[in-house]
Amino acid sequence: MPKIMHLIDNAEKITTDGLDAELRSLSLNDAQIAAIQNFIKLADGRSNEQVLESLETLSTKIGADQNQASEFKVGLNELWSVQKTLRQMGITDCVKIDPMIVRGLDYYTGTVFETILNSHPEFGSIASGGRYDNLASNYSAEKFPGVGCSIGLSRLFAALTENNLTQNSSTPTADILVLPFSENEREFSFNLAARLRAQTKKPVNILLQPWKFNKKMEYAGKSGAKHLVVIGEQEVATGQVNIKDLQTGKETSLDSFLA
């Protein structure tokens, strides 16, 4: 299996005939080779939703191994969830679900990703990473979910230099924190955050942790944000939003805040 994963990961650098020969050297039969070749081409010319639907179809053909079928379904459900969240955030055009990204699956426990500069694909991946739920268990009895990313500094710096983007800059603390009460308010919160960023030109963060409300409010007080927006069922239903000044405690309507 590791050898097959390695070939899939490098399939773009190998001709179809070359890949066929490499797979045959692993004693795979014609049906298995055809399945791998089709899997590699799964994303060609398809939208993310179409890729996921194709994977849904593929999940019915995995075979009798219940463990493999169950693991495949868990991964597919996570990709659907990631795609839904990205769509809610308004991030669609710059994201591609690509089954050929398989590196690191021997230690990652969920979705893996790579970052490519569309204007400079020749630099390759400038950042890559994935989800690993149990890494902290090496140092603690508790289980902590995590997503990690490593940056290809030499590639990134080369791209920044070529585009004259290496001048000094700083990233300010978020001025506004949007706090959705539950997952049901996420899409509204993403849209609101986008509006706040566009109209105030200030940095805005959204708290997505599934914590209890008291813990969310405790985080808000320590986050360094100057303003807080709590989004619950009523805000979504009415569209009426208040923004709280965390220093004075004063609340202001969204329209007044943006005026």
Protein backbone atom coordinates (compact mmCIF):
# COMPACT_ATOMS: atom_id res chain seq x y z
CA MET A 1 0.00 0.00 0.00
CA PRO A 2 2.73 2.62 0.79
CA LYS A 3 4.23 2.06 -2.66
CA ILE A 4 0.86 2.56 -4.32
CA MET A 5 0.27 5.76 -2.34
CA HIS A 6 3.70 7.02 -3.39
CA LEU A 7 2.87 6.39 -7.05
CA ILE A 8 -0.48 8.21 -6.74
CA ASP A 9 1.26 11.15 -5.06
CA ASN A 10 3.74 11.39 -7.94
CA ALA A 11 1.38 10.46 -10.77
CA GLU A 12 1.59 13.93 -12.34
CA LYS A 13 5.31 13.40 -12.89
CA ILE A 14 4.84 9.99 -14.55
CA THR A 15 3.37 9.16 -17.97
CA THR A 16 0.28 6.95 -18.11
CA ASP A 17 2.32 4.10 -19.57
CA GLY A 18 5.04 4.61 -16.98
CA LEU A 19 2.52 4.50 -14.15
CA ASP A 20 0.95 1.38 -15.65
CA ALA A 21 4.35 -0.32 -15.71
CA GLU A 22 5.10 0.71 -12.13
CA LEU A 23 1.75 -0.67 -10.93
CA ARG A 24 2.28 -3.94 -12.79
CA SER A 25 5.65 -4.30 -11.08
CA LEU A 26 3.66 -4.46 -7.81
CA SER A 27 1.80 -7.54 -9.13
CA LEU A 28 -1.54 -5.72 -9.51
CA ASN A 29 -4.08 -7.12 -11.97
CA ASP A 30 -5.75 -5.22 -14.83
CA ALA A 31 -8.88 -4.38 -12.82
CA GLN A 32 -6.85 -2.98 -9.92
CA ILE A 33 -4.66 -0.90 -12.23
CA ALA A 34 -7.71 0.48 -14.05
CA ALA A 35 -9.31 1.42 -10.72
CA ILE A 36 -6.18 3.32 -9.63
CA GLN A 37 -5.87 5.08 -12.99
CA ASN A 38 -9.54 6.15 -12.78
CA PHE A 39 -9.07 7.33 -9.19
CA ILE A 40 -6.14 9.53 -10.24
CA LYS A 41 -8.27 11.19 -12.93
CA LEU A 42 -11.31 11.60 -10.67
CA ALA A 43 -10.97 15.38 -10.30
CA ASP A 44 -10.28 16.15 -13.98
CA GLY A 45 -12.83 18.68 -15.22
CA ARG A 46 -15.15 18.15 -12.24
CA SER A 47 -16.38 20.50 -9.55
CA ASN A 48 -15.70 19.69 -5.90
CA GLU A 49 -19.28 18.47 -5.44
CA GLN A 50 -18.96 16.21 -8.49
CA VAL A 51 -15.70 14.77 -7.14
CA LEU A 52 -17.37 14.01 -3.81
CA GLU A 53 -20.35 12.43 -5.57
CA SER A 54 -17.95 10.26 -7.57
CA LEU A 55 -16.29 9.20 -4.33
CA GLU A 56 -19.74 8.35 -2.95
CA THR A 57 -20.23 6.03 -5.91
CA LEU A 58 -16.77 4.57 -5.42
CA SER A 59 -17.54 3.84 -1.76
CA THR A 60 -20.10 1.24 -2.85
CA LYS A 61 -17.43 -0.65 -4.79
CA ILE A 62 -14.79 -1.02 -2.10
CA GLY A 63 -15.75 -4.59 -1.35
CA ALA A 64 -16.56 -6.76 1.62
CA ASP A 65 -13.95 -5.39 3.99
CA GLN A 66 -16.16 -3.56 6.49
CA ASN A 67 -13.24 -1.79 8.18
CA GLN A 68 -12.06 -0.30 4.89
CA ALA A 69 -15.59 0.69 3.89
CA SER A 70 -16.21 2.34 7.26
CA GLU A 71 -12.89 4.23 7.20
CA PHE A 72 -13.56 5.41 3.64
CA LYS A 73 -17.00 6.70 4.67
CA VAL A 74 -15.60 8.60 7.67
CA GLY A 75 -13.05 10.34 5.45
CA LEU A 76 -15.64 11.13 2.79
CA ASN A 77 -18.01 12.63 5.36
CA GLU A 78 -15.18 14.83 6.63
CA LEU A 79 -14.50 16.09 3.10
CA TRP A 80 -18.20 16.93 2.69
CA SER A 81 -18.03 18.83 5.99
CA VAL A 82 -14.90 20.74 4.92
CA GLN A 83 -16.51 21.61 1.57
CA LYS A 84 -19.69 22.84 3.32
CA THR A 85 -17.71 25.03 5.72
CA LEU A 86 -15.59 26.52 2.93
CA ARG A 87 -18.74 27.31 0.94
CA GLN A 88 -20.27 29.02 3.97
CA MET A 89 -17.12 31.10 4.28
CA GLY A 90 -17.37 32.11 0.63
CA ILE A 91 -14.18 30.23 -0.23
CA THR A 92 -14.96 28.23 -3.36
CA ASP A 93 -13.01 29.27 -6.47
CA CYS A 94 -9.56 28.80 -4.96
CA VAL A 95 -10.16 25.35 -3.42
CA LYS A 96 -9.95 22.05 -5.26
CA ILE A 97 -10.62 18.60 -3.82
CA ASP A 98 -7.86 16.44 -5.27
CA PRO A 99 -7.74 12.67 -4.53
CA MET A 100 -4.10 12.63 -5.66
CA ILE A 101 -2.96 14.38 -2.47
CA VAL A 102 -2.22 11.34 -0.33
CA ARG A 103 1.08 12.17 1.35
CA GLY A 104 1.24 11.90 5.12
CA LEU A 105 -1.77 9.61 5.45
CA ASP A 106 0.37 7.21 7.49
CA TYR A 107 0.37 9.71 10.38
CA TYR A 108 -2.41 12.22 9.66
CA THR A 109 -5.85 11.24 10.95
CA GLY A 110 -8.05 13.34 8.67
CA THR A 111 -8.04 15.76 5.76
CA VAL A 112 -4.67 16.66 4.23
CA PHE A 113 -4.01 19.70 2.07
CA GLU A 114 -1.49 21.51 -0.09
CA THR A 115 -1.28 25.19 -1.03
CA ILE A 116 -0.32 26.26 -4.54
CA LEU A 117 0.13 29.82 -5.82
CA ASN A 118 -2.14 30.01 -8.87
CA SER A 119 0.06 32.69 -10.44
CA HIS A 120 3.22 30.64 -9.83
CA PRO A 121 2.44 26.91 -10.00
CA GLU A 122 6.07 26.29 -10.92
CA PHE A 123 7.02 26.81 -7.27
CA GLY A 124 5.00 23.75 -6.28
CA SER A 125 3.43 23.42 -2.85
CA ILE A 126 4.35 26.35 -0.60
CA ALA A 127 2.48 24.97 2.42
CA SER A 128 1.08 21.56 3.28
CA GLY A 129 -0.36 19.82 6.27
CA GLY A 130 -3.33 18.00 7.70
CA ARG A 131 -5.29 16.92 10.73
CA TYR A 132 -3.81 14.76 13.47
CA ASP A 133 -6.02 14.19 16.46
CA ASN A 134 -3.74 12.38 18.86
CA LEU A 135 -0.34 14.02 18.51
CA ALA A 136 -0.58 15.71 21.91
CA SER A 137 -1.18 12.34 23.56
CA ASN A 138 2.60 11.87 23.45
CA TYR A 139 2.80 14.55 26.13
CA SER A 140 -0.60 14.42 27.84
CA ALA A 141 -3.22 11.90 28.88
CA GLU A 142 -5.85 14.10 27.25
CA LYS A 143 -6.72 13.96 23.55
CA PHE A 144 -6.46 17.25 21.68
CA PRO A 145 -7.56 17.68 18.06
CA GLY A 146 -5.13 19.59 15.90
CA VAL A 147 -4.36 20.73 12.37
CA GLY A 148 -0.76 21.34 11.43
CA CYS A 149 0.89 23.00 8.48
CA SER A 150 4.50 23.30 7.37
CA ILE A 151 5.58 26.15 5.13
CA GLY A 152 8.11 25.85 2.33
CA LEU A 153 9.93 29.06 3.24
CA SER A 154 12.39 29.03 0.34
CA ARG A 155 9.60 28.54 -2.21
CA LEU A 156 7.36 31.13 -0.56
CA PHE A 157 10.13 33.69 -0.22
CA ALA A 158 11.07 33.22 -3.88
CA ALA A 159 7.48 33.88 -4.93
CA LEU A 160 7.15 36.90 -2.63
CA THR A 161 10.40 38.35 -3.92
CA GLU A 162 9.38 37.89 -7.54
CA ASN A 163 6.13 39.76 -6.83
CA ASN A 164 7.83 42.53 -4.77
CA LEU A 165 5.89 41.57 -1.64
CA THR A 166 8.75 41.35 0.85
CA GLN A 167 8.31 44.77 2.45
CA ASN A 168 7.81 44.90 6.21
CA SER A 169 4.30 44.28 7.47
CA SER A 170 2.52 43.32 10.66
CA THR A 171 -0.68 41.44 11.45
CA PRO A 172 -2.89 43.27 13.96
CA THR A 173 -4.93 41.55 16.65
CA ALA A 174 -8.52 40.95 15.53
CA ASP A 175 -10.61 44.04 16.27
CA ILE A 176 -13.94 42.19 16.10
CA LEU A 177 -14.77 38.67 17.32
CA VAL A 178 -17.88 36.97 15.95
CA LEU A 179 -19.23 34.26 18.24
CA PRO A 180 -21.84 31.89 16.72
CA PHE A 181 -23.88 30.19 19.43
CA SER A 182 -23.86 26.85 17.58
CA GLU A 183 -23.04 25.31 14.22
CA ASN A 184 -26.49 26.41 12.97
CA GLU A 185 -25.34 30.04 13.02
CA ARG A 186 -22.05 29.48 11.18
CA GLU A 187 -23.14 30.51 7.69
CA PHE A 188 -24.75 33.72 8.96
CA SER A 189 -21.57 34.44 10.96
CA PHE A 190 -19.32 33.92 7.95
CA ASN A 191 -21.43 36.33 5.88
CA LEU A 192 -21.46 38.88 8.69
CA ALA A 193 -17.69 38.64 9.15
CA ALA A 194 -17.16 39.21 5.43
CA ARG A 195 -19.39 42.29 5.58
CA LEU A 196 -17.59 43.66 8.63
CA ARG A 197 -14.19 43.19 7.01
CA ALA A 198 -15.33 44.87 3.80
CA GLN A 199 -16.99 47.88 5.44
CA THR A 200 -14.74 48.50 8.46
CA LYS A 201 -11.41 47.43 6.93
CA LYS A 202 -10.67 45.85 10.33
CA PRO A 203 -9.54 42.28 11.09
CA VAL A 204 -12.41 39.99 12.12
CA ASN A 205 -12.19 36.52 13.67
CA ILE A 206 -14.89 33.87 14.11
CA LEU A 207 -14.83 31.47 17.08
CA LEU A 208 -15.71 28.01 15.72
CA GLN A 209 -14.86 25.87 18.74
CA PRO A 210 -17.87 23.78 19.93
CA TRP A 211 -17.46 25.00 23.50
CA LYS A 212 -20.13 25.80 26.04
CA PHE A 213 -21.26 29.42 25.93
CA ASN A 214 -19.54 30.39 29.19
CA LYS A 215 -16.20 29.15 27.88
CA LYS A 216 -16.72 31.03 24.61
CA MET A 217 -17.36 34.25 26.53
CA GLU A 218 -14.28 33.61 28.67
CA TYR A 219 -12.23 33.24 25.49
CA ALA A 220 -13.72 36.47 24.10
CA GLY A 221 -12.57 38.36 27.18
CA LYS A 222 -9.01 37.10 26.77
CA SER A 223 -8.81 37.25 22.96
CA GLY A 224 -7.65 40.86 22.72
CA ALA A 225 -10.60 41.77 20.50
CA LYS A 226 -12.18 45.18 21.06
CA HIS A 227 -15.68 44.26 19.92
CA LEU A 228 -17.86 41.14 20.25
CA VAL A 229 -20.81 39.96 18.17
CA VAL A 230 -22.86 37.03 19.52
CA ILE A 231 -24.97 35.28 16.90
CA GLY A 232 -27.88 33.11 18.02
CA GLU A 233 -31.17 31.90 16.57
CA GLN A 234 -32.83 35.30 17.05
CA GLU A 235 -30.09 37.19 15.21
CA VAL A 236 -30.30 34.78 12.28
CA ALA A 237 -34.12 34.94 12.19
CA THR A 238 -34.40 38.74 12.41
CA GLY A 239 -31.11 39.87 10.91
CA GLN A 240 -30.80 42.29 13.83
CA VAL A 241 -27.28 42.26 15.26
CA ASN A 242 -25.72 44.17 18.15
CA ILE A 243 -22.00 44.75 18.61
CA LYS A 244 -20.60 44.99 22.12
CA ASP A 245 -17.63 47.14 23.09
CA LEU A 246 -15.62 44.80 25.33
CA GLN A 247 -13.97 47.71 27.12
CA THR A 248 -17.06 49.74 28.02
CA GLY A 249 -19.75 47.04 27.80
CA LYS A 250 -21.87 49.30 25.58
CA GLU A 251 -23.87 47.62 22.81
CA THR A 252 -24.50 49.23 19.43
CA SER A 253 -26.67 48.10 16.53
CA LEU A 254 -24.82 46.90 13.45
CA ASP A 255 -26.17 49.75 11.34
CA SER A 256 -24.98 52.34 13.87
CA PHE A 257 -21.61 50.62 14.18
CA LEU A 258 -21.11 50.75 10.42
CA ALA A 259 -22.40 54.30 10.02
